[in-house]
PDB file of N, CA and C in Angstrom:
ATOM      1  N   MET A   1     -72.858 -15.462  43.347  1.00  0.00           N
ATOM      2  CA  MET A   1     -73.023 -14.675  44.564  1.00  0.00           C
ATOM      3  C   MET A   1     -73.400 -15.612  45.709  1.00  0.00           C
ATOM      4  N   LYS A   2     -74.575 -16.111  45.767  1.00  0.00           N
ATOM      5  CA  LYS A   2     -75.057 -17.090  46.740  1.00  0.00           C
ATOM      6  C   LYS A   2     -74.737 -16.754  48.196  1.00  0.00           C
ATOM      7  N   ALA A   3     -74.355 -15.531  48.504  1.00  0.00           N
ATOM      8  CA  ALA A   3     -74.043 -15.141  49.882  1.00  0.00           C
ATOM      9  C   ALA A   3     -75.330 -14.918  50.667  1.00  0.00           C
ATOM     10  N   CYS A   4     -75.236 -15.096  51.950  1.00  0.00           N
ATOM     11  CA  CYS A   4     -76.383 -14.891  52.840  1.00  0.00           C
ATOM     12  C   CYS A   4     -76.814 -13.423  52.781  1.00  0.00           C
ATOM     13  N   PRO A   5     -78.110 -13.152  52.584  1.00  0.00           N
ATOM     14  CA  PRO A   5     -78.556 -11.763  52.516  1.00  0.00           C
ATOM     15  C   PRO A   5     -78.502 -11.048  53.868  1.00  0.00           C
ATOM     16  N   ARG A   6     -78.386 -11.807  54.937  1.00  0.00           N
ATOM     17  CA  ARG A   6     -78.359 -11.192  56.269  1.00  0.00           C
ATOM     18  C   ARG A   6     -76.944 -10.868  56.739  1.00  0.00           C
ATOM     19  N   CYS A   7     -76.059 -11.878  56.740  1.00  0.00           N
ATOM     20  CA  CYS A   7     -74.709 -11.675  57.284  1.00  0.00           C
ATOM     21  C   CYS A   7     -73.628 -11.659  56.211  1.00  0.00           C
ATOM     22  N   LYS A   8     -73.998 -11.872  54.949  1.00  0.00           N
ATOM     23  CA  LYS A   8     -73.076 -11.873  53.804  1.00  0.00           C
ATOM     24  C   LYS A   8     -72.028 -12.982  53.845  1.00  0.00           C
ATOM     25  N   SER A   9     -72.275 -14.030  54.612  1.00  0.00           N
ATOM     26  CA  SER A   9     -71.372 -15.171  54.678  1.00  0.00           C
ATOM     27  C   SER A   9     -71.614 -16.086  53.478  1.00  0.00           C
ATOM     28  N   VAL A  10     -70.570 -16.732  52.991  1.00  0.00           N
ATOM     29  CA  VAL A  10     -70.720 -17.681  51.895  1.00  0.00           C
ATOM     30  C   VAL A  10     -70.734 -19.124  52.394  1.00  0.00           C
ATOM     31  N   SER A  11     -70.637 -19.333  53.697  1.00  0.00           N
ATOM     32  CA  SER A  11     -70.713 -20.665  54.290  1.00  0.00           C
ATOM     33  C   SER A  11     -72.186 -21.061  54.396  1.00  0.00           C
ATOM     34  N   ARG A  12     -72.582 -22.094  53.647  1.00  0.00           N
ATOM     35  CA  ARG A  12     -74.000 -22.444  53.559  1.00  0.00           C
ATOM     36  C   ARG A  12     -74.160 -23.926  53.256  1.00  0.00           C
ATOM     37  N   HIS A  13     -75.405 -24.410  53.351  1.00  0.00           N
ATOM     38  CA  HIS A  13     -75.723 -25.760  52.907  1.00  0.00           C
ATOM     39  C   HIS A  13     -77.076 -25.737  52.199  1.00  0.00           C
ATOM     40  N   ARG A  14     -77.248 -26.658  51.246  1.00  0.00           N
ATOM     41  CA  ARG A  14     -78.470 -26.707  50.449  1.00  0.00           C
ATOM     42  C   ARG A  14     -79.621 -27.250  51.275  1.00  0.00           C
ATOM     43  N   MET A  15     -80.818 -26.799  50.919  1.00  0.00           N
ATOM     44  CA  MET A  15     -82.049 -27.256  51.571  1.00  0.00           C
ATOM     45  C   MET A  15     -83.077 -27.586  50.500  1.00  0.00           C
ATOM     46  N   ARG A  16     -84.166 -28.204  50.921  1.00  0.00           N
ATOM     47  CA  ARG A  16     -85.269 -28.463  50.015  1.00  0.00           C
ATOM     48  C   ARG A  16     -86.010 -27.161  49.758  1.00  0.00           C
ATOM     49  N   ARG A  17     -86.471 -26.988  48.524  1.00  0.00           N
ATOM     50  CA  ARG A  17     -87.223 -25.784  48.177  1.00  0.00           C
ATOM     51  C   ARG A  17     -88.686 -25.958  48.559  1.00  0.00           C
ATOM     52  N   ASN A  18     -89.341 -24.841  48.874  1.00  0.00           N
ATOM     53  CA  ASN A  18     -90.771 -24.914  49.160  1.00  0.00           C
ATOM     54  C   ASN A  18     -91.540 -25.014  47.836  1.00  0.00           C
ATOM     55  N   PRO A  19     -92.799 -25.430  47.850  1.00  0.00           N
ATOM     56  CA  PRO A  19     -93.539 -25.669  46.600  1.00  0.00           C
ATOM     57  C   PRO A  19     -93.633 -24.453  45.678  1.00  0.00           C
ATOM     58  N   ILE A  20     -93.713 -23.267  46.216  1.00  0.00           N
ATOM     59  CA  ILE A  20     -93.809 -22.080  45.369  1.00  0.00           C
ATOM     60  C   ILE A  20     -92.498 -21.839  44.629  1.00  0.00           C
ATOM     61  N   THR A  21     -91.388 -22.021  45.311  1.00  0.00           N
ATOM     62  CA  THR A  21     -90.079 -21.804  44.709  1.00  0.00           C
ATOM     63  C   THR A  21     -89.763 -22.861  43.650  1.00  0.00           C
ATOM     64  N   LYS A  22     -90.359 -24.030  43.751  1.00  0.00           N
ATOM     65  CA  LYS A  22     -90.121 -25.076  42.761  1.00  0.00           C
ATOM     66  C   LYS A  22     -90.650 -24.695  41.386  1.00  0.00           C
ATOM     67  N   LEU A  23     -91.577 -23.753  41.320  1.00  0.00           N
ATOM     68  CA  LEU A  23     -92.120 -23.305  40.044  1.00  0.00           C
ATOM     69  C   LEU A  23     -91.128 -22.432  39.272  1.00  0.00           C
ATOM     70  N   ILE A  24     -90.136 -21.886  39.956  1.00  0.00           N
ATOM     71  CA  ILE A  24     -89.142 -21.024  39.321  1.00  0.00           C
ATOM     72  C   ILE A  24     -87.932 -21.878  38.952  1.00  0.00           C
ATOM     73  N   PRO A  25     -87.652 -22.040  37.668  1.00  0.00           N
ATOM     74  CA  PRO A  25     -86.528 -22.897  37.271  1.00  0.00           C
ATOM     75  C   PRO A  25     -85.184 -22.297  37.661  1.00  0.00           C
ATOM     76  N   GLY A  26     -84.305 -23.140  38.185  1.00  0.00           N
ATOM     77  CA  GLY A  26     -82.960 -22.722  38.541  1.00  0.00           C
ATOM     78  C   GLY A  26     -82.803 -22.165  39.937  1.00  0.00           C
ATOM     79  N   ALA A  27     -83.897 -21.844  40.632  1.00  0.00           N
ATOM     80  CA  ALA A  27     -83.809 -21.297  41.986  1.00  0.00           C
ATOM     81  C   ALA A  27     -83.338 -22.384  42.947  1.00  0.00           C
ATOM     82  N   ARG A  28     -82.476 -22.004  43.894  1.00  0.00           N
ATOM     83  CA  ARG A  28     -81.937 -22.959  44.861  1.00  0.00           C
ATOM     84  C   ARG A  28     -82.104 -22.418  46.265  1.00  0.00           C
ATOM     85  N   ALA A  29     -82.432 -23.302  47.198  1.00  0.00           N
ATOM     86  CA  ALA A  29     -82.637 -22.908  48.594  1.00  0.00           C
ATOM     87  C   ALA A  29     -81.401 -23.268  49.411  1.00  0.00           C
ATOM     88  N   TYR A  30     -81.001 -22.356  50.280  1.00  0.00           N
ATOM     89  CA  TYR A  30     -79.838 -22.542  51.144  1.00  0.00           C
ATOM     90  C   TYR A  30     -80.170 -22.118  52.565  1.00  0.00           C
ATOM     91  N   ALA A  31     -79.352 -22.554  53.509  1.00  0.00           N
ATOM     92  CA  ALA A  31     -79.399 -22.083  54.890  1.00  0.00           C
ATOM     93  C   ALA A  31     -77.979 -21.698  55.281  1.00  0.00           C
ATOM     94  N   CYS A  32     -77.839 -20.544  55.889  1.00  0.00           N
ATOM     95  CA  CYS A  32     -76.531 -20.035  56.294  1.00  0.00           C
ATOM     96  C   CYS A  32     -76.022 -20.825  57.500  1.00  0.00           C
ATOM     97  N   ASP A  33     -74.730 -21.162  57.499  1.00  0.00           N
ATOM     98  CA  ASP A  33     -74.134 -21.899  58.606  1.00  0.00           C
ATOM     99  C   ASP A  33     -73.833 -20.997  59.801  1.00  0.00           C
ATOM    100  N   HIS A  34     -73.722 -19.689  59.586  1.00  0.00           N
ATOM    101  CA  HIS A  34     -73.384 -18.770  60.670  1.00  0.00           C
ATOM    102  C   HIS A  34     -74.619 -18.245  61.411  1.00  0.00           C
ATOM    103  N   CYS A  35     -75.608 -17.737  60.655  1.00  0.00           N
ATOM    104  CA  CYS A  35     -76.773 -17.113  61.310  1.00  0.00           C
ATOM    105  C   CYS A  35     -78.047 -17.941  61.149  1.00  0.00           C
ATOM    106  N   ASN A  36     -77.969 -19.092  60.450  1.00  0.00           N
ATOM    107  CA  ASN A  36     -79.084 -20.021  60.267  1.00  0.00           C
ATOM    108  C   ASN A  36     -80.268 -19.401  59.520  1.00  0.00           C
ATOM    109  N   THR A  37     -80.021 -18.406  58.680  1.00  0.00           N
ATOM    110  CA  THR A  37     -81.060 -17.796  57.867  1.00  0.00           C
ATOM    111  C   THR A  37     -81.323 -18.667  56.649  1.00  0.00           C
ATOM    112  N   GLN A  38     -82.596 -18.881  56.345  1.00  0.00           N
ATOM    113  CA  GLN A  38     -82.953 -19.622  55.145  1.00  0.00           C
ATOM    114  C   GLN A  38     -83.212 -18.621  54.028  1.00  0.00           C
ATOM    115  N   TYR A  39     -82.599 -18.874  52.866  1.00  0.00           N
ATOM    116  CA  TYR A  39     -82.765 -17.958  51.748  1.00  0.00           C
ATOM    117  C   TYR A  39     -82.754 -18.715  50.435  1.00  0.00           C
ATOM    118  N   THR A  40     -83.221 -18.048  49.394  1.00  0.00           N
ATOM    119  CA  THR A  40     -83.285 -18.632  48.068  1.00  0.00           C
ATOM    120  C   THR A  40     -82.442 -17.801  47.123  1.00  0.00           C
ATOM    121  N   TRP A  41     -81.649 -18.467  46.285  1.00  0.00           N
ATOM    122  CA  TRP A  41     -80.802 -17.803  45.308  1.00  0.00           C
ATOM    123  C   TRP A  41     -81.414 -17.972  43.928  1.00  0.00           C
ATOM    124  N   PHE A  42     -81.574 -16.862  43.204  1.00  0.00           N
ATOM    125  CA  PHE A  42     -82.127 -16.868  41.863  1.00  0.00           C
ATOM    126  C   PHE A  42     -81.005 -16.556  40.870  1.00  0.00           C
ATOM    127  N   PRO A  43     -80.566 -17.538  40.063  1.00  0.00           N
ATOM    128  CA  PRO A  43     -79.402 -17.342  39.202  1.00  0.00           C
ATOM    129  C   PRO A  43     -79.620 -16.347  38.059  1.00  0.00           C
ATOM    130  N   PHE A  44     -80.839 -16.212  37.569  1.00  0.00           N
ATOM    131  CA  PHE A  44     -81.066 -15.335  36.426  1.00  0.00           C
ATOM    132  C   PHE A  44     -80.979 -13.859  36.787  1.00  0.00           C
ATOM    133  N   ILE A  45     -81.118 -13.517  38.074  1.00  0.00           N
ATOM    134  CA  ILE A  45     -80.892 -12.134  38.515  1.00  0.00           C
ATOM    135  C   ILE A  45     -79.708 -12.049  39.456  1.00  0.00           C
ATOM    136  N   ASN A  46     -79.101 -13.208  39.778  1.00  0.00           N
ATOM    137  CA  ASN A  46     -77.928 -13.311  40.641  1.00  0.00           C
ATOM    138  C   ASN A  46     -78.143 -12.621  41.986  1.00  0.00           C
ATOM    139  N   ARG A  47     -79.266 -12.882  42.620  1.00  0.00           N
ATOM    140  CA  ARG A  47     -79.609 -12.300  43.919  1.00  0.00           C
ATOM    141  C   ARG A  47     -80.077 -13.373  44.880  1.00  0.00           C
ATOM    142  N   SER A  48     -79.871 -13.110  46.174  1.00  0.00           N
ATOM    143  CA  SER A  48     -80.358 -13.976  47.238  1.00  0.00           C
ATOM    144  C   SER A  48     -81.442 -13.237  47.998  1.00  0.00           C
ATOM    145  N   PHE A  49     -82.528 -13.937  48.314  1.00  0.00           N
ATOM    146  CA  PHE A  49     -83.626 -13.343  49.064  1.00  0.00           C
ATOM    147  C   PHE A  49     -83.982 -14.217  50.252  1.00  0.00           C
ATOM    148  N   LYS A  50     -84.201 -13.591  51.388  1.00  0.00           N
ATOM    149  CA  LYS A  50     -84.599 -14.298  52.602  1.00  0.00           C
ATOM    150  C   LYS A  50     -86.020 -14.803  52.436  1.00  0.00           C
ATOM    151  N   VAL A  51     -86.237 -16.062  52.826  1.00  0.00           N
ATOM    152  CA  VAL A  51     -87.568 -16.667  52.695  1.00  0.00           C
ATOM    153  C   VAL A  51     -88.281 -16.618  54.015  1.00  0.00           C
TER     154      VAL A  51
END
């Protein structure tokens, strides 16, 4: 999925995760190229959440 939770765009780039998110294995941080929203993707539930 990895789509932006705000604009649903799949155009994104990876970012560094914050310390709390690093505790969750497999979570990845992204920033949307269209609306510049920062969000985290959790693969085990296949959802993106705005940070």
